Amino acid sequence: MRPVVFDFLTNSCNIIKKNSNNNDTIFYNFIGNIILPEWRKLT
């Protein structure tokens, strides 16, 4: 599962950076607080 999560994070980060560098902090907070805990529940 970890490689899948890593690829998802990498691709999403690239998309966010293309749109606006100012969104990086918000995006990382979103991933860390919402998506990663949900992934842990699924594993």
PDB file of N, CA and C in Angstrom:
ATOM      1  N   MET A   1       0.817  -1.215   0.000  1.00  0.00           N
ATOM      2  CA  MET A   1       0.000   0.000   0.000  1.00  0.00           C
ATOM      3  C   MET A   1       0.858   1.276   0.000  1.00  0.00           C
ATOM      4  N   ARG A   2       1.975   1.234   0.669  1.00  0.00           N
ATOM      5  CA  ARG A   2       2.793   2.448   0.772  1.00  0.00           C
ATOM      6  C   ARG A   2       3.206   3.006  -0.590  1.00  0.00           C
ATOM      7  N   PRO A   3       3.655   2.161  -1.546  1.00  0.00           N
ATOM      8  CA  PRO A   3       4.008   2.727  -2.862  1.00  0.00           C
ATOM      9  C   PRO A   3       2.824   3.430  -3.521  1.00  0.00           C
ATOM     10  N   VAL A   4       1.629   2.886  -3.359  1.00  0.00           N
ATOM     11  CA  VAL A   4       0.443   3.517  -3.946  1.00  0.00           C
ATOM     12  C   VAL A   4       0.218   4.890  -3.322  1.00  0.00           C
ATOM     13  N   VAL A   5       0.315   4.953  -2.004  1.00  0.00           N
ATOM     14  CA  VAL A   5       0.123   6.231  -1.301  1.00  0.00           C
ATOM     15  C   VAL A   5       1.192   7.226  -1.737  1.00  0.00           C
ATOM     16  N   PHE A   6       2.441   6.758  -1.844  1.00  0.00           N
ATOM     17  CA  PHE A   6       3.540   7.641  -2.225  1.00  0.00           C
ATOM     18  C   PHE A   6       3.313   8.217  -3.619  1.00  0.00           C
ATOM     19  N   ASP A   7       2.917   7.356  -4.564  1.00  0.00           N
ATOM     20  CA  ASP A   7       2.653   7.828  -5.920  1.00  0.00           C
ATOM     21  C   ASP A   7       1.531   8.851  -5.924  1.00  0.00           C
ATOM     22  N   PHE A   8       0.482   8.581  -5.142  1.00  0.00           N
ATOM     23  CA  PHE A   8      -0.646   9.510  -5.056  1.00  0.00           C
ATOM     24  C   PHE A   8      -0.188  10.871  -4.532  1.00  0.00           C
ATOM     25  N   LEU A   9       0.612  10.848  -3.472  1.00  0.00           N
ATOM     26  CA  LEU A   9       1.089  12.104  -2.897  1.00  0.00           C
ATOM     27  C   LEU A   9       1.961  12.856  -3.888  1.00  0.00           C
ATOM     28  N   THR A  10       2.839  12.124  -4.584  1.00  0.00           N
ATOM     29  CA  THR A  10       3.739  12.763  -5.543  1.00  0.00           C
ATOM     30  C   THR A  10       2.963  13.409  -6.675  1.00  0.00           C
ATOM     31  N   ASN A  11       2.024  12.673  -7.247  1.00  0.00           N
ATOM     32  CA  ASN A  11       1.234  13.206  -8.359  1.00  0.00           C
ATOM     33  C   ASN A  11       0.391  14.394  -7.910  1.00  0.00           C
ATOM     34  N   SER A  12      -0.218  14.289  -6.742  1.00  0.00           N
ATOM     35  CA  SER A  12      -1.063  15.372  -6.237  1.00  0.00           C
ATOM     36  C   SER A  12      -0.236  16.620  -5.954  1.00  0.00           C
ATOM     37  N   CYS A  13       0.944  16.430  -5.392  1.00  0.00           N
ATOM     38  CA  CYS A  13       1.811  17.571  -5.093  1.00  0.00           C
ATOM     39  C   CYS A  13       2.209  18.282  -6.379  1.00  0.00           C
ATOM     40  N   ASN A  14       2.506  17.502  -7.423  1.00  0.00           N
ATOM     41  CA  ASN A  14       2.877  18.109  -8.701  1.00  0.00           C
ATOM     42  C   ASN A  14       1.722  18.917  -9.277  1.00  0.00           C
ATOM     43  N   ILE A  15       0.508  18.398  -9.162  1.00  0.00           N
ATOM     44  CA  ILE A  15      -0.668  19.106  -9.668  1.00  0.00           C
ATOM     45  C   ILE A  15      -0.856  20.423  -8.917  1.00  0.00           C
ATOM     46  N   ILE A  16      -0.744  20.350  -7.581  1.00  0.00           N
ATOM     47  CA  ILE A  16      -0.920  21.556  -6.765  1.00  0.00           C
ATOM     48  C   ILE A  16       0.147  22.597  -7.109  1.00  0.00           C
ATOM     49  N   LYS A  17       1.388  22.171  -7.267  1.00  0.00           N
ATOM     50  CA  LYS A  17       2.465  23.117  -7.552  1.00  0.00           C
ATOM     51  C   LYS A  17       2.264  23.783  -8.907  1.00  0.00           C
ATOM     52  N   LYS A  18       1.707  23.053  -9.861  1.00  0.00           N
ATOM     53  CA  LYS A  18       1.443  23.650 -11.169  1.00  0.00           C
ATOM     54  C   LYS A  18       0.378  24.734 -11.054  1.00  0.00           C
ATOM     55  N   ASN A  19      -0.593  24.538 -10.173  1.00  0.00           N
ATOM     56  CA  ASN A  19      -1.686  25.492 -10.030  1.00  0.00           C
ATOM     57  C   ASN A  19      -1.263  26.714  -9.214  1.00  0.00           C
ATOM     58  N   SER A  20      -0.677  26.477  -8.041  1.00  0.00           N
ATOM     59  CA  SER A  20      -0.301  27.595  -7.178  1.00  0.00           C
ATOM     60  C   SER A  20       0.615  27.120  -6.063  1.00  0.00           C
ATOM     61  N   ASN A  21       1.798  27.692  -5.971  1.00  0.00           N
ATOM     62  CA  ASN A  21       2.736  27.311  -4.921  1.00  0.00           C
ATOM     63  C   ASN A  21       2.223  27.678  -3.538  1.00  0.00           C
ATOM     64  N   ASN A  22       1.332  28.652  -3.471  1.00  0.00           N
ATOM     65  CA  ASN A  22       0.804  29.091  -2.184  1.00  0.00           C
ATOM     66  C   ASN A  22      -0.095  28.042  -1.553  1.00  0.00           C
ATOM     67  N   ASN A  23      -0.577  27.084  -2.350  1.00  0.00           N
ATOM     68  CA  ASN A  23      -1.480  26.077  -1.830  1.00  0.00           C
ATOM     69  C   ASN A  23      -0.746  24.894  -1.207  1.00  0.00           C
ATOM     70  N   ASP A  24       0.583  24.853  -1.315  1.00  0.00           N
ATOM     71  CA  ASP A  24       1.344  23.704  -0.827  1.00  0.00           C
ATOM     72  C   ASP A  24       1.089  23.434   0.652  1.00  0.00           C
ATOM     73  N   THR A  25       1.150  24.465   1.477  1.00  0.00           N
ATOM     74  CA  THR A  25       0.975  24.267   2.909  1.00  0.00           C
ATOM     75  C   THR A  25      -0.409  23.732   3.220  1.00  0.00           C
ATOM     76  N   ILE A  26      -1.417  24.305   2.589  1.00  0.00           N
ATOM     77  CA  ILE A  26      -2.794  23.851   2.808  1.00  0.00           C
ATOM     78  C   ILE A  26      -2.934  22.399   2.366  1.00  0.00           C
ATOM     79  N   PHE A  27      -2.338  22.074   1.233  1.00  0.00           N
ATOM     80  CA  PHE A  27      -2.442  20.725   0.694  1.00  0.00           C
ATOM     81  C   PHE A  27      -1.781  19.718   1.627  1.00  0.00           C
ATOM     82  N   TYR A  28      -0.573  20.027   2.103  1.00  0.00           N
ATOM     83  CA  TYR A  28       0.121  19.106   3.001  1.00  0.00           C
ATOM     84  C   TYR A  28      -0.652  18.916   4.300  1.00  0.00           C
ATOM     85  N   ASN A  29      -1.246  19.968   4.809  1.00  0.00           N
ATOM     86  CA  ASN A  29      -2.062  19.848   6.020  1.00  0.00           C
ATOM     87  C   ASN A  29      -3.266  18.961   5.762  1.00  0.00           C
ATOM     88  N   PHE A  30      -3.870  19.099   4.584  1.00  0.00           N
ATOM     89  CA  PHE A  30      -5.023  18.275   4.211  1.00  0.00           C
ATOM     90  C   PHE A  30      -4.624  16.808   4.151  1.00  0.00           C
ATOM     91  N   ILE A  31      -3.511  16.518   3.504  1.00  0.00           N
ATOM     92  CA  ILE A  31      -3.034  15.133   3.400  1.00  0.00           C
ATOM     93  C   ILE A  31      -2.717  14.574   4.779  1.00  0.00           C
ATOM     94  N   GLY A  32      -1.972  15.306   5.560  1.00  0.00           N
ATOM     95  CA  GLY A  32      -1.536  14.820   6.863  1.00  0.00           C
ATOM     96  C   GLY A  32      -2.676  14.612   7.846  1.00  0.00           C
ATOM     97  N   ASN A  33      -3.676  15.462   7.799  1.00  0.00           N
ATOM     98  CA  ASN A  33      -4.745  15.427   8.794  1.00  0.00           C
ATOM     99  C   ASN A  33      -5.928  14.561   8.383  1.00  0.00           C
ATOM    100  N   ILE A  34      -6.163  14.401   7.087  1.00  0.00           N
ATOM    101  CA  ILE A  34      -7.375  13.705   6.642  1.00  0.00           C
ATOM    102  C   ILE A  34      -7.059  12.403   5.912  1.00  0.00           C
ATOM    103  N   ILE A  35      -6.260  12.465   4.870  1.00  0.00           N
ATOM    104  CA  ILE A  35      -6.074  11.286   4.019  1.00  0.00           C
ATOM    105  C   ILE A  35      -5.222  10.215   4.700  1.00  0.00           C
ATOM    106  N   LEU A  36      -4.105  10.589   5.294  1.00  0.00           N
ATOM    107  CA  LEU A  36      -3.240   9.574   5.900  1.00  0.00           C
ATOM    108  C   LEU A  36      -3.930   8.800   7.021  1.00  0.00           C
ATOM    109  N   PRO A  37      -4.653   9.461   7.953  1.00  0.00           N
ATOM    110  CA  PRO A  37      -5.390   8.705   8.971  1.00  0.00           C
ATOM    111  C   PRO A  37      -6.408   7.754   8.353  1.00  0.00           C
ATOM    112  N   GLU A  38      -7.049   8.147   7.272  1.00  0.00           N
ATOM    113  CA  GLU A  38      -8.012   7.271   6.609  1.00  0.00           C
ATOM    114  C   GLU A  38      -7.306   6.065   6.009  1.00  0.00           C
ATOM    115  N   TRP A  39      -6.127   6.277   5.422  1.00  0.00           N
ATOM    116  CA  TRP A  39      -5.355   5.157   4.866  1.00  0.00           C
ATOM    117  C   TRP A  39      -4.978   4.175   5.975  1.00  0.00           C
ATOM    118  N   ARG A  40      -4.603   4.692   7.136  1.00  0.00           N
ATOM    119  CA  ARG A  40      -4.216   3.822   8.255  1.00  0.00           C
ATOM    120  C   ARG A  40      -5.391   2.963   8.690  1.00  0.00           C
ATOM    121  N   LYS A  41      -6.592   3.522   8.642  1.00  0.00           N
ATOM    122  CA  LYS A  41      -7.776   2.764   9.030  1.00  0.00           C
ATOM    123  C   LYS A  41      -8.024   1.617   8.055  1.00  0.00           C
ATOM    124  N   LEU A  42      -7.706   1.837   6.787  1.00  0.00           N
ATOM    125  CA  LEU A  42      -7.971   0.822   5.764  1.00  0.00           C
ATOM    126  C   LEU A  42      -6.961  -0.317   5.812  1.00  0.00           C
ATOM    127  N   THR A  43      -5.765  -0.049   6.319  1.00  0.00           N
ATOM    128  CA  THR A  43      -4.723  -1.079   6.311  1.00  0.00           C
ATOM    129  C   THR A  43      -4.870  -2.010   7.505  1.00  0.00           C
TER     130      THR A  43
END
